[in-house]
């Protein structure tokens, strides 16, 4: 049985295609990654895409992979708060996503993986440390499987299930998936969301500004447990064409357990208690893989947090992320 994870496109697509360009500094006034950060554009080696890149911080570099698919790095901004003195964060929009124009026939999971490796090489980074979220965890894991020698630490946030489809998907997984759907439906329709819409004066929007604000709030409703923090969740634009192209190129019949039984580096999973991707309350498929299948992964479930754990519980998230980024002692 093959079941696709609950990946929901929650906002409008945005951005028009442009011709690929070479590396260009798009934020000269902020061209100090130790301060406010800076942006630039990376033309992929195949010249089929232009990636929007934003770097901030100093120290050990980490590539940050957004969700979606077809999403936007802006939804992850804030996870670096308090850590830029010790770590360098390399955010970028994957090809086809909002600010990274590409023709949809050139948007595939394999190309996302190749782009990450090309960006790693462009920056002269020997091993790619990765922080990934939601659908970005699929890219991170495919990179780990295909490039174990150039993969460092891997952090999976709001991680997809450790296995999906085929003979690996048994009664336990089917039960978990069914519970996910029920809990997700109840979560996005919870009374707190309706109250916040009313409190924000968005229950009957009459102009585009307020309609977009309502879209922002509804996007946060699926991702943030404490809905009063919806303004802290980056507005989640999604390129629908890129989302559909990526999904269509992705095999949802996978099993990550073999590589994770002896990963080349540290692998950590940080999930929220109410994360709609990982299922009811305690990340059951990940917990089962760790307890029963010898998967060598550090799992942290953060209470009273949703899919965007860094918004709901910034201090607990920061502690978990620091632990995940700390080199293991021999």
C-alpha atoms as a PDB file:
ATOM      1  CA  UNK A   1       0.000   0.000   0.000  1.00  0.00           C
ATOM      2  CA  UNK A   2       1.288   3.442  -0.894  1.00  0.00           C
ATOM      3  CA  UNK A   3       0.130   6.506   1.002  1.00  0.00           C
ATOM      4  CA  UNK A   4       1.382  10.016   0.422  1.00  0.00           C
ATOM      5  CA  UNK A   5       2.098  12.162   3.475  1.00  0.00           C
ATOM      6  CA  UNK A   6      -0.227  14.991   4.436  1.00  0.00           C
ATOM      7  CA  UNK A   7       1.462  17.823   2.544  1.00  0.00           C
ATOM      8  CA  UNK A   8      -0.873  20.780   2.071  1.00  0.00           C
ATOM      9  CA  UNK A   9      -0.334  23.782  -0.225  1.00  0.00           C
ATOM     10  CA  UNK A  10      -1.614  26.583   2.005  1.00  0.00           C
ATOM     11  CA  UNK A  11      -1.109  29.781  -0.007  1.00  0.00           C
ATOM     12  CA  UNK A  12      -0.990  31.330  -3.468  1.00  0.00           C
ATOM     13  CA  UNK A  13       1.853  30.787  -5.892  1.00  0.00           C
ATOM     14  CA  UNK A  14       4.004  33.824  -6.594  1.00  0.00           C
ATOM     15  CA  UNK A  15       6.771  35.080  -8.863  1.00  0.00           C
ATOM     16  CA  UNK A  16       7.411  35.114 -12.589  1.00  0.00           C
ATOM     17  CA  UNK A  17      10.167  33.186 -14.330  1.00  0.00           C
ATOM     18  CA  UNK A  18      13.414  34.920 -15.202  1.00  0.00           C
ATOM     19  CA  UNK A  19      16.491  33.872 -17.123  1.00  0.00           C
ATOM     20  CA  UNK A  20      19.171  32.206 -15.002  1.00  0.00           C
ATOM     21  CA  UNK A  21      21.910  34.564 -13.893  1.00  0.00           C
ATOM     22  CA  UNK A  22      25.320  34.107 -12.378  1.00  0.00           C
ATOM     23  CA  UNK A  23      25.982  34.707  -8.706  1.00  0.00           C
ATOM     24  CA  UNK A  24      24.826  38.270  -7.931  1.00  0.00           C
ATOM     25  CA  UNK A  25      24.800  40.081  -4.599  1.00  0.00           C
ATOM     26  CA  UNK A  26      21.167  41.138  -4.120  1.00  0.00           C
ATOM     27  CA  UNK A  27      21.674  42.901  -0.808  1.00  0.00           C
ATOM     28  CA  UNK A  28      24.893  44.878  -0.893  1.00  0.00           C
ATOM     29  CA  UNK A  29      23.748  47.109   1.934  1.00  0.00           C
ATOM     30  CA  UNK A  30      23.565  44.039   4.178  1.00  0.00           C
ATOM     31  CA  UNK A  31      26.541  42.194   2.737  1.00  0.00           C
ATOM     32  CA  UNK A  32      27.779  41.100   6.163  1.00  0.00           C
ATOM     33  CA  UNK A  33      26.457  37.694   7.190  1.00  0.00           C
ATOM     34  CA  UNK A  34      27.579  38.415  10.766  1.00  0.00           C
ATOM     35  CA  UNK A  35      25.005  41.227  10.927  1.00  0.00           C
ATOM     36  CA  UNK A  36      21.657  41.288   9.126  1.00  0.00           C
ATOM     37  CA  UNK A  37      22.626  38.727   6.501  1.00  0.00           C
ATOM     38  CA  UNK A  38      22.774  39.041   2.725  1.00  0.00           C
ATOM     39  CA  UNK A  39      21.069  37.610  -0.342  1.00  0.00           C
ATOM     40  CA  UNK A  40      22.411  36.401  -3.660  1.00  0.00           C
ATOM     41  CA  UNK A  41      21.378  34.306  -6.636  1.00  0.00           C
ATOM     42  CA  UNK A  42      22.952  31.018  -7.687  1.00  0.00           C
ATOM     43  CA  UNK A  43      22.662  29.826 -11.274  1.00  0.00           C
ATOM     44  CA  UNK A  44      22.600  26.027 -11.144  1.00  0.00           C
ATOM     45  CA  UNK A  45      25.268  24.255 -13.203  1.00  0.00           C
ATOM     46  CA  UNK A  46      22.666  22.971 -15.683  1.00  0.00           C
ATOM     47  CA  UNK A  47      21.563  26.625 -16.217  1.00  0.00           C
ATOM     48  CA  UNK A  48      17.952  25.508 -15.814  1.00  0.00           C
ATOM     49  CA  UNK A  49      17.241  27.382 -12.581  1.00  0.00           C
ATOM     50  CA  UNK A  50      18.208  30.362 -10.463  1.00  0.00           C
ATOM     51  CA  UNK A  51      18.202  29.836  -6.703  1.00  0.00           C
ATOM     52  CA  UNK A  52      17.517  32.680  -4.298  1.00  0.00           C
ATOM     53  CA  UNK A  53      19.939  32.322  -1.363  1.00  0.00           C
ATOM     54  CA  UNK A  54      20.002  34.132   1.969  1.00  0.00           C
ATOM     55  CA  UNK A  55      22.902  33.701   4.405  1.00  0.00           C
ATOM     56  CA  UNK A  56      23.118  34.877   7.973  1.00  0.00           C
ATOM     57  CA  UNK A  57      25.466  34.174  10.873  1.00  0.00           C
ATOM     58  CA  UNK A  58      28.997  32.946  11.329  1.00  0.00           C
ATOM     59  CA  UNK A  59      30.499  29.649  12.370  1.00  0.00           C
ATOM     60  CA  UNK A  60      29.575  26.104  11.380  1.00  0.00           C
ATOM     61  CA  UNK A  61      27.432  26.288   8.201  1.00  0.00           C
ATOM     62  CA  UNK A  62      23.997  24.682   7.908  1.00  0.00           C
ATOM     63  CA  UNK A  63      21.862  24.499   4.780  1.00  0.00           C
ATOM     64  CA  UNK A  64      18.188  25.127   5.591  1.00  0.00           C
ATOM     65  CA  UNK A  65      15.639  23.286   3.411  1.00  0.00           C
ATOM     66  CA  UNK A  66      12.072  24.604   3.424  1.00  0.00           C
ATOM     67  CA  UNK A  67       8.915  22.541   3.096  1.00  0.00           C
ATOM     68  CA  UNK A  68       6.120  22.566   0.586  1.00  0.00           C
ATOM     69  CA  UNK A  69       7.084  21.186  -1.785  1.00  0.00           C
ATOM     70  CA  UNK A  70       7.135  24.427  -3.734  1.00  0.00           C
ATOM     71  CA  UNK A  71       7.274  26.409  -0.485  1.00  0.00           C
ATOM     72  CA  UNK A  72       9.316  29.377   0.615  1.00  0.00           C
ATOM     73  CA  UNK A  73      12.315  29.774   2.904  1.00  0.00           C
ATOM     74  CA  UNK A  74      10.525  32.717   4.535  1.00  0.00           C
ATOM     75  CA  UNK A  75       8.361  30.294   6.513  1.00  0.00           C
ATOM     76  CA  UNK A  76      11.504  29.102   8.354  1.00  0.00           C
ATOM     77  CA  UNK A  77      12.910  32.493   9.260  1.00  0.00           C
ATOM     78  CA  UNK A  78      13.245  32.781  12.992  1.00  0.00           C
ATOM     79  CA  UNK A  79      14.600  29.307  13.628  1.00  0.00           C
ATOM     80  CA  UNK A  80      18.078  30.847  13.588  1.00  0.00           C
ATOM     81  CA  UNK A  81      17.274  33.360  16.352  1.00  0.00           C
ATOM     82  CA  UNK A  82      19.915  33.369  19.086  1.00  0.00           C
ATOM     83  CA  UNK A  83      22.262  31.113  17.113  1.00  0.00           C
ATOM     84  CA  UNK A  84      23.861  33.369  14.497  1.00  0.00           C
ATOM     85  CA  UNK A  85      26.957  34.068  16.620  1.00  0.00           C
ATOM     86  CA  UNK A  86      27.951  30.412  16.454  1.00  0.00           C
ATOM     87  CA  UNK A  87      26.367  29.079  13.262  1.00  0.00           C
ATOM     88  CA  UNK A  88      25.974  30.198   9.673  1.00  0.00           C
ATOM     89  CA  UNK A  89      22.557  29.515   8.156  1.00  0.00           C
ATOM     90  CA  UNK A  90      22.211  29.154   4.388  1.00  0.00           C
ATOM     91  CA  UNK A  91      18.553  29.505   3.483  1.00  0.00           C
ATOM     92  CA  UNK A  92      17.490  29.106  -0.133  1.00  0.00           C
ATOM     93  CA  UNK A  93      14.399  28.585  -2.223  1.00  0.00           C
ATOM     94  CA  UNK A  94      14.565  25.360  -4.180  1.00  0.00           C
ATOM     95  CA  UNK A  95      14.188  25.509  -7.957  1.00  0.00           C
ATOM     96  CA  UNK A  96      10.718  26.586  -9.036  1.00  0.00           C
ATOM     97  CA  UNK A  97       9.827  27.864  -5.572  1.00  0.00           C
ATOM     98  CA  UNK A  98       8.633  31.467  -5.494  1.00  0.00           C
ATOM     99  CA  UNK A  99      11.921  33.397  -5.854  1.00  0.00           C
ATOM    100  CA  UNK A 100      13.875  30.629  -7.611  1.00  0.00           C
ATOM    101  CA  UNK A 101      12.508  30.587 -11.174  1.00  0.00           C
ATOM    102  CA  UNK A 102      12.646  27.403 -13.244  1.00  0.00           C
ATOM    103  CA  UNK A 103      10.510  25.764 -15.898  1.00  0.00           C
ATOM    104  CA  UNK A 104       8.354  23.095 -14.267  1.00  0.00           C
ATOM    105  CA  UNK A 105       9.711  20.308 -16.484  1.00  0.00           C
ATOM    106  CA  UNK A 106      13.077  20.954 -14.800  1.00  0.00           C
ATOM    107  CA  UNK A 107      11.669  20.717 -11.270  1.00  0.00           C
ATOM    108  CA  UNK A 108      12.228  17.240  -9.827  1.00  0.00           C
ATOM    109  CA  UNK A 109      13.342  15.734  -6.554  1.00  0.00           C
ATOM    110  CA  UNK A 110      16.593  14.517  -8.124  1.00  0.00           C
ATOM    111  CA  UNK A 111      17.359  18.035  -9.343  1.00  0.00           C
ATOM    112  CA  UNK A 112      16.679  19.448  -5.870  1.00  0.00           C
ATOM    113  CA  UNK A 113      19.263  17.025  -4.516  1.00  0.00           C
ATOM    114  CA  UNK A 114      21.740  17.933  -7.264  1.00  0.00           C
ATOM    115  CA  UNK A 115      21.208  21.647  -6.593  1.00  0.00           C
ATOM    116  CA  UNK A 116      22.034  21.204  -2.912  1.00  0.00           C
ATOM    117  CA  UNK A 117      25.283  19.457  -3.798  1.00  0.00           C
ATOM    118  CA  UNK A 118      26.144  22.132  -6.368  1.00  0.00           C
ATOM    119  CA  UNK A 119      25.502  24.887  -3.838  1.00  0.00           C
ATOM    120  CA  UNK A 120      27.669  23.048  -1.294  1.00  0.00           C
ATOM    121  CA  UNK A 121      30.492  22.868  -3.834  1.00  0.00           C
ATOM    122  CA  UNK A 122      30.036  26.518  -4.870  1.00  0.00           C
ATOM    123  CA  UNK A 123      30.497  27.601  -1.265  1.00  0.00           C
ATOM    124  CA  UNK A 124      33.509  25.350  -0.749  1.00  0.00           C
ATOM    125  CA  UNK A 125      31.867  23.402   2.058  1.00  0.00           C
ATOM    126  CA  UNK A 126      33.279  19.899   2.452  1.00  0.00           C
ATOM    127  CA  UNK A 127      30.286  18.351   4.200  1.00  0.00           C
ATOM    128  CA  UNK A 128      26.753  19.669   4.086  1.00  0.00           C
ATOM    129  CA  UNK A 129      25.123  20.030   7.474  1.00  0.00           C
ATOM    130  CA  UNK A 130      21.381  20.191   6.906  1.00  0.00           C
ATOM    131  CA  UNK A 131      18.342  21.517   8.737  1.00  0.00           C
ATOM    132  CA  UNK A 132      15.206  20.484   6.868  1.00  0.00           C
ATOM    133  CA  UNK A 133      11.503  20.925   7.439  1.00  0.00           C
ATOM    134  CA  UNK A 134       8.463  18.939   6.283  1.00  0.00           C
ATOM    135  CA  UNK A 135       8.799  18.108   2.560  1.00  0.00           C
ATOM    136  CA  UNK A 136      12.388  19.339   2.823  1.00  0.00           C
ATOM    137  CA  UNK A 137      13.129  16.266   4.930  1.00  0.00           C
ATOM    138  CA  UNK A 138      12.608  14.166   1.792  1.00  0.00           C
ATOM    139  CA  UNK A 139      15.320  16.200   0.029  1.00  0.00           C
ATOM    140  CA  UNK A 140      17.617  15.906   3.041  1.00  0.00           C
ATOM    141  CA  UNK A 141      17.203  12.139   3.245  1.00  0.00           C
ATOM    142  CA  UNK A 142      17.660  11.650  -0.483  1.00  0.00           C
ATOM    143  CA  UNK A 143      20.831  13.718  -0.241  1.00  0.00           C
ATOM    144  CA  UNK A 144      22.048  11.640   2.702  1.00  0.00           C
ATOM    145  CA  UNK A 145      21.383   8.407   0.811  1.00  0.00           C
ATOM    146  CA  UNK A 146      23.001   9.623  -2.415  1.00  0.00           C
ATOM    147  CA  UNK A 147      25.887  11.611  -0.934  1.00  0.00           C
ATOM    148  CA  UNK A 148      26.904  10.039   2.381  1.00  0.00           C
ATOM    149  CA  UNK A 149      30.517  11.195   2.011  1.00  0.00           C
ATOM    150  CA  UNK A 150      29.551  14.873   1.771  1.00  0.00           C
ATOM    151  CA  UNK A 151      26.809  14.838   4.429  1.00  0.00           C
ATOM    152  CA  UNK A 152      27.423  16.074   7.955  1.00  0.00           C
ATOM    153  CA  UNK A 153      24.792  16.480  10.655  1.00  0.00           C
ATOM    154  CA  UNK A 154      21.169  16.173   9.524  1.00  0.00           C
ATOM    155  CA  UNK A 155      18.281  17.723  11.456  1.00  0.00           C
ATOM    156  CA  UNK A 156      14.745  16.778  10.425  1.00  0.00           C
ATOM    157  CA  UNK A 157      11.969  19.109  11.620  1.00  0.00           C
ATOM    158  CA  UNK A 158       8.358  18.025  11.240  1.00  0.00           C
ATOM    159  CA  UNK A 159       9.802  14.957   9.563  1.00  0.00           C
ATOM    160  CA  UNK A 160       7.971  12.786   7.077  1.00  0.00           C
ATOM    161  CA  UNK A 161       7.444   9.196   8.189  1.00  0.00           C
ATOM    162  CA  UNK A 162      10.572   7.060   8.332  1.00  0.00           C
ATOM    163  CA  UNK A 163       9.013   4.687   5.769  1.00  0.00           C
ATOM    164  CA  UNK A 164       6.090   4.798   3.378  1.00  0.00           C
ATOM    165  CA  UNK A 165       4.375   2.572   0.850  1.00  0.00           C
ATOM    166  CA  UNK A 166       5.106  -0.855  -0.505  1.00  0.00           C
ATOM    167  CA  UNK A 167       5.590  -3.873   1.725  1.00  0.00           C
ATOM    168  CA  UNK A 168       6.888  -1.699   4.588  1.00  0.00           C
ATOM    169  CA  UNK A 169       3.498  -0.086   5.208  1.00  0.00           C
ATOM    170  CA  UNK A 170       1.596  -2.412   7.507  1.00  0.00           C
ATOM    171  CA  UNK A 171      -1.434  -2.252   9.755  1.00  0.00           C
ATOM    172  CA  UNK A 172       0.361  -0.100  12.338  1.00  0.00           C
ATOM    173  CA  UNK A 173       1.269   2.573   9.786  1.00  0.00           C
ATOM    174  CA  UNK A 174      -2.193   2.530   8.220  1.00  0.00           C
ATOM    175  CA  UNK A 175      -3.772   3.073  11.636  1.00  0.00           C
ATOM    176  CA  UNK A 176      -1.401   5.954  12.390  1.00  0.00           C
ATOM    177  CA  UNK A 177      -2.134   7.560   9.033  1.00  0.00           C
ATOM    178  CA  UNK A 178      -5.890   7.351   9.565  1.00  0.00           C
ATOM    179  CA  UNK A 179      -5.493   8.959  12.982  1.00  0.00           C
ATOM    180  CA  UNK A 180      -3.375  11.712  11.422  1.00  0.00           C
ATOM    181  CA  UNK A 181      -6.183  12.684   9.061  1.00  0.00           C
ATOM    182  CA  UNK A 182      -8.750  12.838  11.846  1.00  0.00           C
ATOM    183  CA  UNK A 183      -6.502  14.861  14.140  1.00  0.00           C
ATOM    184  CA  UNK A 184      -5.505  17.267  11.373  1.00  0.00           C
ATOM    185  CA  UNK A 185      -9.119  18.019  10.470  1.00  0.00           C
ATOM    186  CA  UNK A 186      -9.926  18.754  14.112  1.00  0.00           C
ATOM    187  CA  UNK A 187      -6.737  20.778  14.607  1.00  0.00           C
ATOM    188  CA  UNK A 188      -7.297  23.295  11.794  1.00  0.00           C
ATOM    189  CA  UNK A 189     -10.954  23.725  12.784  1.00  0.00           C
ATOM    190  CA  UNK A 190     -10.276  24.225  16.502  1.00  0.00           C
ATOM    191  CA  UNK A 191     -12.180  26.943  18.313  1.00  0.00           C
ATOM    192  CA  UNK A 192      -9.004  28.907  19.065  1.00  0.00           C
ATOM    193  CA  UNK A 193      -8.524  29.527  15.333  1.00  0.00           C
ATOM    194  CA  UNK A 194     -12.077  30.794  14.906  1.00  0.00           C
ATOM    195  CA  UNK A 195     -11.631  33.070  17.921  1.00  0.00           C
ATOM    196  CA  UNK A 196      -8.358  34.468  16.545  1.00  0.00           C
ATOM    197  CA  UNK A 197      -9.914  35.170  13.149  1.00  0.00           C
ATOM    198  CA  UNK A 198     -12.644  37.141  14.873  1.00  0.00           C
ATOM    199  CA  UNK A 199     -10.217  38.936  17.205  1.00  0.00           C
ATOM    200  CA  UNK A 200      -8.062  39.951  14.234  1.00  0.00           C
ATOM    201  CA  UNK A 201     -11.116  41.349  12.448  1.00  0.00           C
ATOM    202  CA  UNK A 202     -10.672  38.936   9.560  1.00  0.00           C
ATOM    203  CA  UNK A 203     -13.953  37.022   9.691  1.00  0.00           C
ATOM    204  CA  UNK A 204     -15.292  38.955   6.672  1.00  0.00           C
ATOM    205  CA  UNK A 205     -12.348  40.401   4.703  1.00  0.00           C
ATOM    206  CA  UNK A 206     -13.340  42.971   2.087  1.00  0.00           C
ATOM    207  CA  UNK A 207     -10.002  43.797   0.451  1.00  0.00           C
ATOM    208  CA  UNK A 208      -6.952  41.951  -0.845  1.00  0.00           C
ATOM    209  CA  UNK A 209      -4.787  42.955   2.107  1.00  0.00           C
ATOM    210  CA  UNK A 210      -7.140  41.404   4.629  1.00  0.00           C
ATOM    211  CA  UNK A 211      -7.764  38.363   2.435  1.00  0.00           C
ATOM    212  CA  UNK A 212      -4.018  37.745   2.388  1.00  0.00           C
ATOM    213  CA  UNK A 213      -3.838  38.242   6.150  1.00  0.00           C
ATOM    214  CA  UNK A 214      -6.608  35.674   6.575  1.00  0.00           C
ATOM    215  CA  UNK A 215      -4.692  33.308   4.288  1.00  0.00           C
ATOM    216  CA  UNK A 216      -1.633  33.853   6.479  1.00  0.00           C
ATOM    217  CA  UNK A 217      -3.633  33.072   9.621  1.00  0.00           C
ATOM    218  CA  UNK A 218      -5.189  29.948   8.099  1.00  0.00           C
ATOM    219  CA  UNK A 219      -1.737  28.789   7.004  1.00  0.00           C
ATOM    220  CA  UNK A 220      -0.516  29.224  10.565  1.00  0.00           C
ATOM    221  CA  UNK A 221      -3.568  27.318  11.853  1.00  0.00           C
ATOM    222  CA  UNK A 222      -2.123  24.110  10.397  1.00  0.00           C
ATOM    223  CA  UNK A 223       1.409  24.822  11.533  1.00  0.00           C
ATOM    224  CA  UNK A 224       1.269  26.666  14.860  1.00  0.00           C
ATOM    225  CA  UNK A 225      -0.290  25.264  18.032  1.00  0.00           C
ATOM    226  CA  UNK A 226      -0.579  28.641  19.755  1.00  0.00           C
ATOM    227  CA  UNK A 227      -2.557  30.426  17.051  1.00  0.00           C
ATOM    228  CA  UNK A 228      -2.079  33.794  18.759  1.00  0.00           C
ATOM    229  CA  UNK A 229       1.489  33.573  17.384  1.00  0.00           C
ATOM    230  CA  UNK A 230       0.324  33.413  13.758  1.00  0.00           C
ATOM    231  CA  UNK A 231       2.072  36.696  12.910  1.00  0.00           C
ATOM    232  CA  UNK A 232       5.402  35.108  13.929  1.00  0.00           C
ATOM    233  CA  UNK A 233       5.004  32.390  11.301  1.00  0.00           C
ATOM    234  CA  UNK A 234       6.490  33.548   8.001  1.00  0.00           C
ATOM    235  CA  UNK A 235       3.850  34.057   5.320  1.00  0.00           C
ATOM    236  CA  UNK A 236       3.853  30.710   3.548  1.00  0.00           C
ATOM    237  CA  UNK A 237       3.662  31.279  -0.180  1.00  0.00           C
ATOM    238  CA  UNK A 238       3.630  28.125  -2.294  1.00  0.00           C
ATOM    239  CA  UNK A 239       4.377  27.753  -5.987  1.00  0.00           C
ATOM    240  CA  UNK A 240       1.681  25.273  -6.974  1.00  0.00           C
ATOM    241  CA  UNK A 241       3.383  24.357 -10.256  1.00  0.00           C
ATOM    242  CA  UNK A 242       6.649  23.554  -8.484  1.00  0.00           C
ATOM    243  CA  UNK A 243       4.754  21.623  -5.825  1.00  0.00           C
ATOM    244  CA  UNK A 244       2.967  19.465  -8.376  1.00  0.00           C
ATOM    245  CA  UNK A 245       6.137  18.925 -10.432  1.00  0.00           C
ATOM    246  CA  UNK A 246       8.143  17.857  -7.370  1.00  0.00           C
ATOM    247  CA  UNK A 247       5.424  15.542  -6.097  1.00  0.00           C
ATOM    248  CA  UNK A 248       5.028  13.979  -9.518  1.00  0.00           C
ATOM    249  CA  UNK A 249       8.754  13.198  -9.693  1.00  0.00           C
ATOM    250  CA  UNK A 250       8.892  11.707  -6.197  1.00  0.00           C
ATOM    251  CA  UNK A 251       8.516   8.056  -5.320  1.00  0.00           C
ATOM    252  CA  UNK A 252       6.452   7.835  -2.153  1.00  0.00           C
ATOM    253  CA  UNK A 253       7.465   4.205  -1.790  1.00  0.00           C
ATOM    254  CA  UNK A 254      10.560   4.551   0.405  1.00  0.00           C
ATOM    255  CA  UNK A 255      12.246   3.186   3.508  1.00  0.00           C
ATOM    256  CA  UNK A 256      14.865   5.260   5.304  1.00  0.00           C
ATOM    257  CA  UNK A 257      15.524   2.730   8.051  1.00  0.00           C
ATOM    258  CA  UNK A 258      18.559   1.018   6.417  1.00  0.00           C
ATOM    259  CA  UNK A 259      20.618   4.225   6.043  1.00  0.00           C
ATOM    260  CA  UNK A 260      19.537   5.413   9.492  1.00  0.00           C
ATOM    261  CA  UNK A 261      20.640   2.231  11.221  1.00  0.00           C
ATOM    262  CA  UNK A 262      24.217   3.379  10.668  1.00  0.00           C
ATOM    263  CA  UNK A 263      24.172   6.975   9.392  1.00  0.00           C
ATOM    264  CA  UNK A 264      27.454   8.643   8.390  1.00  0.00           C
ATOM    265  CA  UNK A 265      26.798  11.537  10.777  1.00  0.00           C
ATOM    266  CA  UNK A 266      24.459  12.660  13.519  1.00  0.00           C
ATOM    267  CA  UNK A 267      20.751  12.543  12.590  1.00  0.00           C
ATOM    268  CA  UNK A 268      18.183  14.247  14.815  1.00  0.00           C
ATOM    269  CA  UNK A 269      14.407  14.537  14.552  1.00  0.00           C
ATOM    270  CA  UNK A 270      12.649  17.447  16.256  1.00  0.00           C
ATOM    271  CA  UNK A 271       8.863  17.301  16.079  1.00  0.00           C
ATOM    272  CA  UNK A 272       6.018  19.116  17.746  1.00  0.00           C
ATOM    273  CA  UNK A 273       3.520  17.230  19.885  1.00  0.00           C
ATOM    274  CA  UNK A 274       0.681  18.409  17.630  1.00  0.00           C
ATOM    275  CA  UNK A 275       2.523  18.160  14.313  1.00  0.00           C
ATOM    276  CA  UNK A 276       0.056  17.028  11.656  1.00  0.00           C
ATOM    277  CA  UNK A 277       2.786  15.430   9.527  1.00  0.00           C
ATOM    278  CA  UNK A 278       4.121  13.022  12.138  1.00  0.00           C
ATOM    279  CA  UNK A 279       0.890  11.838  13.660  1.00  0.00           C
ATOM    280  CA  UNK A 280      -0.802  11.609  17.009  1.00  0.00           C
ATOM    281  CA  UNK A 281       1.154  13.232  19.783  1.00  0.00           C
ATOM    282  CA  UNK A 282       4.397  11.271  20.009  1.00  0.00           C
ATOM    283  CA  UNK A 283       5.771  10.698  16.479  1.00  0.00           C
ATOM    284  CA  UNK A 284       4.736   7.019  16.539  1.00  0.00           C
ATOM    285  CA  UNK A 285       6.444   5.781  13.364  1.00  0.00           C
ATOM    286  CA  UNK A 286       9.760   7.364  14.353  1.00  0.00           C
ATOM    287  CA  UNK A 287       9.491   6.069  17.897  1.00  0.00           C
ATOM    288  CA  UNK A 288       8.736   2.570  16.622  1.00  0.00           C
ATOM    289  CA  UNK A 289      11.699   2.633  14.220  1.00  0.00           C
ATOM    290  CA  UNK A 290      14.040   3.690  17.029  1.00  0.00           C
ATOM    291  CA  UNK A 291      12.724   1.152  19.522  1.00  0.00           C
ATOM    292  CA  UNK A 292      12.197  -1.819  17.193  1.00  0.00           C
ATOM    293  CA  UNK A 293      14.312  -1.372  14.057  1.00  0.00           C
ATOM    294  CA  UNK A 294      17.675  -0.160  15.358  1.00  0.00           C
ATOM    295  CA  UNK A 295      17.360   3.298  13.822  1.00  0.00           C
ATOM    296  CA  UNK A 296      20.128   5.512  15.234  1.00  0.00           C
ATOM    297  CA  UNK A 297      18.246   8.812  15.451  1.00  0.00           C
ATOM    298  CA  UNK A 298      17.788  11.231  18.331  1.00  0.00           C
ATOM    299  CA  UNK A 299      14.074  12.057  18.638  1.00  0.00           C
ATOM    300  CA  UNK A 300      12.809  15.118  20.493  1.00  0.00           C
ATOM    301  CA  UNK A 301       9.068  15.775  20.751  1.00  0.00           C
ATOM    302  CA  UNK A 302       8.349  19.309  21.937  1.00  0.00           C
ATOM    303  CA  UNK A 303       5.122  19.704  23.930  1.00  0.00           C
ATOM    304  CA  UNK A 304       2.423  22.208  22.987  1.00  0.00           C
ATOM    305  CA  UNK A 305       3.952  22.761  19.564  1.00  0.00           C
ATOM    306  CA  UNK A 306       2.781  22.188  16.032  1.00  0.00           C
ATOM    307  CA  UNK A 307       4.549  21.810  12.686  1.00  0.00           C
ATOM    308  CA  UNK A 308       6.462  25.076  13.240  1.00  0.00           C
ATOM    309  CA  UNK A 309       8.060  24.224  16.585  1.00  0.00           C
ATOM    310  CA  UNK A 310      10.387  27.253  16.553  1.00  0.00           C
ATOM    311  CA  UNK A 311       7.328  29.547  16.592  1.00  0.00           C
ATOM    312  CA  UNK A 312       5.432  27.749  19.353  1.00  0.00           C
ATOM    313  CA  UNK A 313       8.287  26.948  21.707  1.00  0.00           C
ATOM    314  CA  UNK A 314      11.352  28.998  20.719  1.00  0.00           C
ATOM    315  CA  UNK A 315      13.401  28.295  23.841  1.00  0.00           C
ATOM    316  CA  UNK A 316      12.793  24.539  23.904  1.00  0.00           C
ATOM    317  CA  UNK A 317      13.363  24.408  20.165  1.00  0.00           C
ATOM    318  CA  UNK A 318      16.630  26.309  20.444  1.00  0.00           C
ATOM    319  CA  UNK A 319      17.892  23.928  23.122  1.00  0.00           C
ATOM    320  CA  UNK A 320      16.976  20.916  20.968  1.00  0.00           C
ATOM    321  CA  UNK A 321      18.565  22.421  17.865  1.00  0.00           C
ATOM    322  CA  UNK A 322      21.779  23.310  19.686  1.00  0.00           C
ATOM    323  CA  UNK A 323      21.998  19.727  20.962  1.00  0.00           C
ATOM    324  CA  UNK A 324      21.422  18.416  17.426  1.00  0.00           C
ATOM    325  CA  UNK A 325      24.158  20.667  16.005  1.00  0.00           C
ATOM    326  CA  UNK A 326      26.709  19.846  18.705  1.00  0.00           C
ATOM    327  CA  UNK A 327      29.369  17.396  17.435  1.00  0.00           C
ATOM    328  CA  UNK A 328      29.130  13.958  18.974  1.00  0.00           C
ATOM    329  CA  UNK A 329      31.929  12.980  21.318  1.00  0.00           C
ATOM    330  CA  UNK A 330      33.790   9.771  20.439  1.00  0.00           C
END
